């Protein structure tokens, strides 16, 4: 073979190799583009995925709203029951005193001595007051001779008195009451004031 033929063959081989390399590059580029296209979803697919996500979030929100509503209703029902039966314990404790009053009334029918009836009523009063003080924190205030306190006492009238140096309770018409230290009823009193 002549040198010229060998050169031509070599050139053809190089050209063929270059063409093959170019073809492979084009094929690889086309495959890369296809892969990239496959990796990034189409806009319709994105929209569908987002709509599914929105629906899921809506379901979760509705579930939580229903759960909150049920909790609120339960709390309201429990509060109503607590208010309705708040005094059940106190009323149960008062039933003993009511029973004692019934017994006193029955005994009064046959009693010949009023002192016996008065003693029975005093005993009922003492046990009732003791129960209210010890169990419920109720305390009374306002005794004759106490110093007048406008925060605790309601003055129904005033009387001048030479013997007093400051305003004092001359007479107590109704005792005042505190529940755990808070006034629930002011004492209604007549006040003695120093003579001017």
Protein backbone atom coordinates (compact mmCIF):
# COMPACT_ATOMS: atom_id res chain seq x y z
CA UNK A 1 0.00 0.00 0.00
CA UNK A 2 1.15 3.33 -0.79
CA UNK A 3 1.73 5.96 1.69
CA UNK A 4 -1.02 8.03 0.27
CA UNK A 5 -3.55 5.27 0.74
CA UNK A 6 -2.44 4.73 4.28
CA UNK A 7 -2.82 8.40 5.07
CA UNK A 8 -6.25 8.45 3.52
CA UNK A 9 -7.29 5.42 5.53
CA UNK A 10 -5.99 6.96 8.70
CA UNK A 11 -7.77 10.21 7.96
CA UNK A 12 -10.97 8.32 7.34
CA UNK A 13 -10.55 6.45 10.62
CA UNK A 14 -9.95 9.68 12.50
CA UNK A 15 -12.96 11.27 10.81
CA UNK A 16 -15.08 8.23 11.64
CA UNK A 17 -13.92 8.33 15.23
CA UNK A 18 -14.69 12.06 15.40
CA UNK A 19 -18.14 11.47 13.92
CA UNK A 20 -18.75 8.63 16.40
CA UNK A 21 -17.64 10.85 19.27
CA UNK A 22 -19.94 13.64 18.05
CA UNK A 23 -22.83 11.19 17.73
CA UNK A 24 -22.17 9.88 21.23
CA UNK A 25 -22.02 13.42 22.57
CA UNK A 26 -25.35 14.26 20.90
CA UNK A 27 -26.90 11.06 22.22
CA UNK A 28 -25.61 11.76 25.72
CA UNK A 29 -26.92 15.33 25.54
CA UNK A 30 -30.31 14.10 24.39
CA UNK A 31 -30.41 11.51 27.18
CA UNK A 32 -29.36 14.15 29.75
CA UNK A 33 -32.13 16.44 28.53
CA UNK A 34 -34.62 13.57 28.80
CA UNK A 35 -33.38 12.77 32.32
CA UNK A 36 -33.62 16.42 33.33
CA UNK A 37 -37.11 16.54 31.88
CA UNK A 38 -38.02 13.44 33.88
CA UNK A 39 -36.54 14.88 37.10
CA UNK A 40 -38.52 18.12 36.90
CA UNK A 41 -42.25 17.32 36.76
CA UNK A 42 -44.54 18.98 34.34
CA UNK A 43 -46.56 21.99 35.56
CA UNK A 44 -49.76 19.90 35.57
CA UNK A 45 -48.10 17.35 37.86
CA UNK A 46 -46.90 20.14 40.19
CA UNK A 47 -50.41 21.60 40.36
CA UNK A 48 -51.93 18.19 41.10
CA UNK A 49 -49.39 17.55 43.88
CA UNK A 50 -50.02 20.97 45.42
CA UNK A 51 -53.79 20.50 45.25
CA UNK A 52 -53.45 17.14 47.02
CA UNK A 53 -51.32 18.81 49.69
CA UNK A 54 -53.91 21.59 50.12
CA UNK A 55 -56.70 19.01 50.51
CA UNK A 56 -54.69 17.17 53.16
CA UNK A 57 -54.08 20.42 55.08
CA UNK A 58 -57.80 21.28 54.85
CA UNK A 59 -58.70 17.89 56.33
CA UNK A 60 -56.22 18.40 59.18
CA UNK A 61 -57.58 21.89 59.88
CA UNK A 62 -61.19 20.63 59.91
CA UNK A 63 -60.22 17.79 62.24
CA UNK A 64 -58.48 20.16 64.65
CA UNK A 65 -61.42 22.61 64.53
CA UNK A 66 -63.86 19.79 65.33
CA UNK A 67 -61.60 18.58 68.13
CA UNK A 68 -61.44 22.09 69.62
CA UNK A 69 -65.21 22.48 69.34
CA UNK A 70 -65.78 19.18 71.13
CA UNK A 71 -63.33 20.18 73.88
CA UNK A 72 -65.08 23.57 74.30
CA UNK A 73 -68.49 21.85 74.56
CA UNK A 74 -67.14 19.40 77.17
CA UNK A 75 -65.67 22.25 79.23
CA UNK A 76 -68.96 24.19 79.07
CA UNK A 77 -70.90 21.12 80.20
CA UNK A 78 -68.50 20.49 83.07
CA UNK A 79 -68.74 24.15 84.11
CA UNK A 80 -72.55 24.04 84.05
CA UNK A 81 -72.51 20.88 86.17
CA UNK A 82 -70.04 22.43 88.61
CA UNK A 83 -72.26 25.50 89.00
CA UNK A 84 -75.43 23.42 89.31
CA UNK A 85 -73.97 21.19 92.02
CA UNK A 86 -71.56 23.65 93.66
CA UNK A 87 -73.69 23.90 96.81
CA UNK A 88 -74.46 20.19 97.07
CA UNK A 89 -71.92 19.66 99.86
CA UNK A 90 -73.16 22.66 101.86
CA UNK A 91 -76.78 21.66 101.44
CA UNK A 92 -75.97 18.10 102.50
CA UNK A 93 -74.40 19.46 105.68
CA UNK A 94 -77.43 21.69 106.34
CA UNK A 95 -79.77 18.71 106.21
CA UNK A 96 -78.66 17.63 109.71
CA UNK A 97 -79.70 21.01 111.09
CA UNK A 98 -83.04 20.82 109.26
CA UNK A 99 -83.64 17.38 110.76
CA UNK A 100 -82.84 18.76 114.21
CA UNK A 101 -85.31 21.61 113.68
CA UNK A 102 -88.00 19.08 112.72
CA UNK A 103 -87.31 17.10 115.90
CA UNK A 104 -87.50 20.30 117.98
CA UNK A 105 -90.84 21.23 116.42
CA UNK A 106 -92.18 17.72 117.13
CA UNK A 107 -90.93 17.90 120.72
CA UNK A 108 -92.47 21.37 121.18
CA UNK A 109 -95.96 19.96 120.65
CA UNK A 110 -95.77 17.98 123.89
CA UNK A 111 -93.38 20.24 125.84
CA UNK A 112 -94.62 21.85 129.01
CA UNK A 113 -91.46 23.97 129.50
CA UNK A 114 -90.36 26.65 126.97
CA UNK A 115 -86.81 26.48 128.33
CA UNK A 116 -86.39 22.96 126.93
CA UNK A 117 -87.38 24.15 123.46
CA UNK A 118 -85.07 27.18 123.71
CA UNK A 119 -82.19 24.93 124.78
CA UNK A 120 -82.82 22.66 121.79
CA UNK A 121 -82.78 25.62 119.40
CA UNK A 122 -79.57 26.93 120.97
CA UNK A 123 -77.94 23.53 120.45
CA UNK A 124 -78.99 23.47 116.80
CA UNK A 125 -77.70 27.02 116.32
CA UNK A 126 -74.38 26.16 117.97
CA UNK A 127 -73.82 23.04 115.84
CA UNK A 128 -74.82 24.88 112.64
CA UNK A 129 -72.51 27.82 113.32
CA UNK A 130 -69.68 25.46 114.27
CA UNK A 131 -70.08 23.46 111.05
CA UNK A 132 -70.15 26.61 108.87
CA UNK A 133 -67.08 28.07 110.58
CA UNK A 134 -64.95 24.93 110.58
CA UNK A 135 -65.94 23.45 107.22
CA UNK A 136 -66.71 26.49 105.07
CA UNK A 137 -64.72 29.38 106.57
CA UNK A 138 -67.76 31.46 107.49
CA UNK A 139 -67.30 33.86 110.39
CA UNK A 140 -69.55 36.48 111.93
CA UNK A 141 -68.59 39.93 113.15
CA UNK A 142 -70.21 42.93 114.80
CA UNK A 143 -70.72 42.94 118.57
CA UNK A 144 -71.98 45.71 120.81
CA UNK A 145 -69.06 47.79 122.04
CA UNK A 146 -66.85 47.11 118.98
CA UNK A 147 -65.32 50.11 117.24
CA UNK A 148 -67.31 51.28 114.21
CA UNK A 149 -65.65 50.40 110.90
CA UNK A 150 -67.45 51.74 107.79
CA UNK A 151 -65.82 49.01 105.66
CA UNK A 152 -67.55 46.31 107.72
CA UNK A 153 -70.54 48.01 109.33
CA UNK A 154 -73.56 49.68 107.82
CA UNK A 155 -74.81 52.40 110.16
CA UNK A 156 -78.60 52.54 110.34
CA UNK A 157 -78.54 55.40 112.82
CA UNK A 158 -76.31 57.48 115.09
CA UNK A 159 -76.76 58.39 118.73
CA UNK A 160 -74.64 60.89 120.66
CA UNK A 161 -73.23 59.54 123.90
CA UNK A 162 -71.06 61.37 126.44
CA UNK A 163 -69.48 58.11 127.66
CA UNK A 164 -67.84 57.12 124.36
CA UNK A 165 -64.61 58.62 123.03
CA UNK A 166 -64.85 57.16 119.52
CA UNK A 167 -67.60 55.74 117.36
CA UNK A 168 -68.70 52.36 118.73
CA UNK A 169 -71.48 49.89 118.04
CA UNK A 170 -74.37 50.57 120.41
CA UNK A 171 -76.69 47.94 119.00
CA UNK A 172 -76.32 45.23 116.32
CA UNK A 173 -79.46 44.61 114.29
CA UNK A 174 -77.91 42.08 111.92
CA UNK A 175 -74.51 40.43 112.29
CA UNK A 176 -72.07 40.72 109.43
CA UNK A 177 -70.48 37.68 107.82
CA UNK A 178 -67.18 36.94 106.11
CA UNK A 179 -66.44 33.96 103.94
CA UNK A 180 -62.73 33.13 104.09
CA UNK A 181 -61.99 36.73 105.06
CA UNK A 182 -64.16 38.37 102.37
CA UNK A 183 -67.25 40.26 103.53
CA UNK A 184 -70.43 38.72 102.17
CA UNK A 185 -72.79 40.75 104.37
CA UNK A 186 -72.15 43.98 106.25
CA UNK A 187 -73.37 44.24 109.84
CA UNK A 188 -76.35 46.60 110.28
CA UNK A 189 -75.74 48.62 113.42
CA UNK A 190 -76.68 51.62 115.55
CA UNK A 191 -73.59 53.73 116.23
CA UNK A 192 -72.77 55.69 119.37
CA UNK A 193 -70.75 58.83 118.62
CA UNK A 194 -68.96 61.16 121.04
CA UNK A 195 -71.05 64.16 122.02
CA UNK A 196 -69.87 67.26 120.19
